[in-house]
PDB file of N, CA and C in Angstrom:
ATOM      1  N   MET A   1     -53.986 -54.823 143.432  1.00  0.00           N
ATOM      2  CA  MET A   1     -54.924 -54.970 144.561  1.00  0.00           C
ATOM      3  C   MET A   1     -56.302 -54.446 144.167  1.00  0.00           C
ATOM      4  N   PHE A   2     -57.332 -55.138 144.635  1.00  0.00           N
ATOM      5  CA  PHE A   2     -58.691 -54.661 144.364  1.00  0.00           C
ATOM      6  C   PHE A   2     -59.079 -53.666 145.463  1.00  0.00           C
ATOM      7  N   PRO A   3     -59.856 -52.648 145.111  1.00  0.00           N
ATOM      8  CA  PRO A   3     -60.221 -51.620 146.100  1.00  0.00           C
ATOM      9  C   PRO A   3     -61.152 -52.166 147.173  1.00  0.00           C
ATOM     10  N   ILE A   4     -60.862 -51.821 148.434  1.00  0.00           N
ATOM     11  CA  ILE A   4     -61.695 -52.247 149.562  1.00  0.00           C
ATOM     12  C   ILE A   4     -62.301 -51.015 150.219  1.00  0.00           C
ATOM     13  N   ASP A   5     -63.536 -51.141 150.635  1.00  0.00           N
ATOM     14  CA  ASP A   5     -64.219 -50.052 151.332  1.00  0.00           C
ATOM     15  C   ASP A   5     -63.460 -49.744 152.632  1.00  0.00           C
ATOM     16  N   PRO A   6     -63.066 -48.488 152.860  1.00  0.00           N
ATOM     17  CA  PRO A   6     -62.298 -48.145 154.074  1.00  0.00           C
ATOM     18  C   PRO A   6     -63.007 -48.556 155.369  1.00  0.00           C
ATOM     19  N   GLU A   7     -64.332 -48.434 155.386  1.00  0.00           N
ATOM     20  CA  GLU A   7     -65.100 -48.807 156.581  1.00  0.00           C
ATOM     21  C   GLU A   7     -64.967 -50.307 156.846  1.00  0.00           C
ATOM     22  N   LEU A   8     -65.054 -51.094 155.788  1.00  0.00           N
ATOM     23  CA  LEU A   8     -64.922 -52.545 155.901  1.00  0.00           C
ATOM     24  C   LEU A   8     -63.523 -52.898 156.392  1.00  0.00           C
ATOM     25  N   LEU A   9     -62.516 -52.201 155.863  1.00  0.00           N
ATOM     26  CA  LEU A   9     -61.128 -52.432 156.254  1.00  0.00           C
ATOM     27  C   LEU A   9     -60.941 -52.127 157.743  1.00  0.00           C
ATOM     28  N   MET A  10     -61.578 -51.039 158.225  1.00  0.00           N
ATOM     29  CA  MET A  10     -61.504 -50.664 159.634  1.00  0.00           C
ATOM     30  C   MET A  10     -62.108 -51.770 160.504  1.00  0.00           C
ATOM     31  N   TYR A  11     -63.287 -52.268 160.108  1.00  0.00           N
ATOM     32  CA  TYR A  11     -63.923 -53.350 160.873  1.00  0.00           C
ATOM     33  C   TYR A  11     -63.051 -54.597 160.889  1.00  0.00           C
ATOM     34  N   LEU A  12     -62.421 -54.883 159.754  1.00  0.00           N
ATOM     35  CA  LEU A  12     -61.546 -56.047 159.643  1.00  0.00           C
ATOM     36  C   LEU A  12     -60.359 -55.913 160.592  1.00  0.00           C
ATOM     37  N   LYS A  13     -59.753 -54.718 160.634  1.00  0.00           N
ATOM     38  CA  LYS A  13     -58.622 -54.470 161.544  1.00  0.00           C
ATOM     39  C   LYS A  13     -59.044 -54.651 162.994  1.00  0.00           C
ATOM     40  N   ILE A  14     -60.207 -54.092 163.352  1.00  0.00           N
ATOM     41  CA  ILE A  14     -60.716 -54.216 164.727  1.00  0.00           C
ATOM     42  C   ILE A  14     -60.932 -55.690 165.066  1.00  0.00           C
ATOM     43  N   PHE A  15     -61.523 -56.436 164.132  1.00  0.00           N
ATOM     44  CA  PHE A  15     -61.778 -57.861 164.348  1.00  0.00           C
ATOM     45  C   PHE A  15     -60.473 -58.621 164.575  1.00  0.00           C
ATOM     46  N   ILE A  16     -59.456 -58.324 163.762  1.00  0.00           N
ATOM     47  CA  ILE A  16     -58.161 -58.997 163.901  1.00  0.00           C
ATOM     48  C   ILE A  16     -57.534 -58.669 165.253  1.00  0.00           C
ATOM     49  N   VAL A  17     -57.594 -57.397 165.653  1.00  0.00           N
ATOM     50  CA  VAL A  17     -57.026 -56.978 166.939  1.00  0.00           C
ATOM     51  C   VAL A  17     -57.720 -57.703 168.089  1.00  0.00           C
ATOM     52  N   PHE A  18     -59.061 -57.741 168.064  1.00  0.00           N
ATOM     53  CA  PHE A  18     -59.796 -58.426 169.133  1.00  0.00           C
ATOM     54  C   PHE A  18     -59.483 -59.922 169.161  1.00  0.00           C
ATOM     55  N   THR A  19     -59.348 -60.523 167.979  1.00  0.00           N
ATOM     56  CA  THR A  19     -59.019 -61.947 167.909  1.00  0.00           C
ATOM     57  C   THR A  19     -57.655 -62.201 168.539  1.00  0.00           C
ATOM     58  N   CYS A  20     -56.678 -61.340 168.237  1.00  0.00           N
ATOM     59  CA  CYS A  20     -55.333 -61.478 168.815  1.00  0.00           C
ATOM     60  C   CYS A  20     -55.378 -61.336 170.327  1.00  0.00           C
ATOM     61  N   ILE A  21     -56.096 -60.313 170.812  1.00  0.00           N
ATOM     62  CA  ILE A  21     -56.196 -60.087 172.257  1.00  0.00           C
ATOM     63  C   ILE A  21     -56.819 -61.310 172.929  1.00  0.00           C
ATOM     64  N   PHE A  22     -57.916 -61.816 172.362  1.00  0.00           N
ATOM     65  CA  PHE A  22     -58.597 -62.983 172.923  1.00  0.00           C
ATOM     66  C   PHE A  22     -57.656 -64.186 172.959  1.00  0.00           C
ATOM     67  N   PHE A  23     -56.905 -64.385 171.858  1.00  0.00           N
ATOM     68  CA  PHE A  23     -55.971 -65.499 171.764  1.00  0.00           C
ATOM     69  C   PHE A  23     -54.917 -65.419 172.864  1.00  0.00           C
ATOM     70  N   TRP A  24     -54.312 -64.226 173.071  1.00  0.00           N
ATOM     71  CA  TRP A  24     -53.264 -64.068 174.084  1.00  0.00           C
ATOM     72  C   TRP A  24     -53.819 -64.253 175.485  1.00  0.00           C
ATOM     73  N   ILE A  25     -55.044 -63.726 175.729  1.00  0.00           N
ATOM     74  CA  ILE A  25     -55.662 -63.894 177.057  1.00  0.00           C
ATOM     75  C   ILE A  25     -55.891 -65.376 177.328  1.00  0.00           C
ATOM     76  N   LYS A  26     -56.423 -66.099 176.340  1.00  0.00           N
ATOM     77  CA  LYS A  26     -56.682 -67.535 176.516  1.00  0.00           C
ATOM     78  C   LYS A  26     -55.372 -68.289 176.757  1.00  0.00           C
ATOM     79  N   LEU A  27     -54.333 -67.935 176.010  1.00  0.00           N
ATOM     80  CA  LEU A  27     -53.035 -68.586 176.160  1.00  0.00           C
ATOM     81  C   LEU A  27     -52.491 -68.360 177.569  1.00  0.00           C
ATOM     82  N   ALA A  28     -52.533 -67.114 178.045  1.00  0.00           N
ATOM     83  CA  ALA A  28     -52.046 -66.775 179.384  1.00  0.00           C
ATOM     84  C   ALA A  28     -52.863 -67.517 180.443  1.00  0.00           C
ATOM     85  N   TYR A  29     -54.192 -67.572 180.257  1.00  0.00           N
ATOM     86  CA  TYR A  29     -55.071 -68.259 181.207  1.00  0.00           C
ATOM     87  C   TYR A  29     -54.734 -69.747 181.276  1.00  0.00           C
ATOM     88  N   ASP A  30     -54.528 -70.364 180.116  1.00  0.00           N
ATOM     89  CA  ASP A  30     -54.178 -71.791 180.076  1.00  0.00           C
ATOM     90  C   ASP A  30     -52.869 -72.054 180.814  1.00  0.00           C
ATOM     91  N   VAL A  31     -51.870 -71.196 180.591  1.00  0.00           N
ATOM     92  CA  VAL A  31     -50.570 -71.366 181.255  1.00  0.00           C
ATOM     93  C   VAL A  31     -50.737 -71.227 182.768  1.00  0.00           C
ATOM     94  N   LEU A  32     -51.476 -70.202 183.207  1.00  0.00           N
ATOM     95  CA  LEU A  32     -51.681 -69.993 184.642  1.00  0.00           C
ATOM     96  C   LEU A  32     -52.430 -71.165 185.266  1.00  0.00           C
ATOM     97  N   MET A  33     -53.468 -71.662 184.591  1.00  0.00           N
ATOM     98  CA  MET A  33     -54.233 -72.784 185.136  1.00  0.00           C
ATOM     99  C   MET A  33     -53.372 -74.046 185.209  1.00  0.00           C
ATOM    100  N   ARG A  34     -52.503 -74.249 184.213  1.00  0.00           N
ATOM    101  CA  ARG A  34     -51.633 -75.417 184.218  1.00  0.00           C
ATOM    102  C   ARG A  34     -50.687 -75.339 185.421  1.00  0.00           C
ATOM    103  N   ARG A  35     -50.108 -74.155 185.660  1.00  0.00           N
ATOM    104  CA  ARG A  35     -49.213 -73.970 186.810  1.00  0.00           C
ATOM    105  C   ARG A  35     -49.961 -74.219 188.109  1.00  0.00           C
ATOM    106  N   HIS A  36     -51.189 -73.697 188.187  1.00  0.00           N
ATOM    107  CA  HIS A  36     -52.013 -73.850 189.390  1.00  0.00           C
ATOM    108  C   HIS A  36     -52.295 -75.329 189.653  1.00  0.00           C
ATOM    109  N   ARG A  37     -52.649 -76.056 188.581  1.00  0.00           N
ATOM    110  CA  ARG A  37     -52.935 -77.486 188.723  1.00  0.00           C
ATOM    111  C   ARG A  37     -51.677 -78.239 189.154  1.00  0.00           C
ATOM    112  N   LEU A  38     -50.528 -77.897 188.572  1.00  0.00           N
ATOM    113  CA  LEU A  38     -49.279 -78.562 188.941  1.00  0.00           C
ATOM    114  C   LEU A  38     -48.975 -78.320 190.416  1.00  0.00           C
ATOM    115  N   ARG A  39     -49.178 -77.078 190.872  1.00  0.00           N
ATOM    116  CA  ARG A  39     -48.927 -76.735 192.259  1.00  0.00           C
ATOM    117  C   ARG A  39     -49.852 -77.544 193.178  1.00  0.00           C
ATOM    118  N   GLU A  40     -51.129 -77.673 192.764  1.00  0.00           N
ATOM    119  CA  GLU A  40     -52.090 -78.437 193.571  1.00  0.00           C
ATOM    120  C   GLU A  40     -51.682 -79.905 193.636  1.00  0.00           C
ATOM    121  N   HIS A  41     -51.240 -80.473 192.512  1.00  0.00           N
ATOM    122  CA  HIS A  41     -50.827 -81.881 192.490  1.00  0.00           C
ATOM    123  C   HIS A  41     -49.632 -82.110 193.397  1.00  0.00           C
ATOM    124  N   ARG A  42     -48.691 -81.161 193.409  1.00  0.00           N
ATOM    125  CA  ARG A  42     -47.517 -81.287 194.282  1.00  0.00           C
ATOM    126  C   ARG A  42     -47.966 -81.252 195.743  1.00  0.00           C
ATOM    127  N   HIS A  43     -48.969 -80.444 196.009  1.00  0.00           N
ATOM    128  CA  HIS A  43     -49.522 -80.312 197.362  1.00  0.00           C
ATOM    129  C   HIS A  43     -50.096 -81.639 197.870  1.00  0.00           C
ATOM    130  N   ASP A  44     -50.781 -82.345 196.945  1.00  0.00           N
ATOM    131  CA  ASP A  44     -51.446 -83.604 197.336  1.00  0.00           C
ATOM    132  C   ASP A  44     -50.437 -84.668 197.784  1.00  0.00           C
ATOM    133  N   ARG A  45     -49.281 -84.714 197.143  1.00  0.00           N
ATOM    134  CA  ARG A  45     -48.311 -85.778 197.456  1.00  0.00           C
ATOM    135  C   ARG A  45     -47.606 -85.549 198.793  1.00  0.00           C
TER     136      ARG A  45
END
């Protein structure tokens, strides 16, 4: 392994964590919106 600056590694870890959090929030939001839309469509009929 090539040596990495600890500060850079810390920033990289933070970036990965934030990316994961953002991904899960977006996924949860998409699922909730899909359910909401399905419920609305059932309402219309």
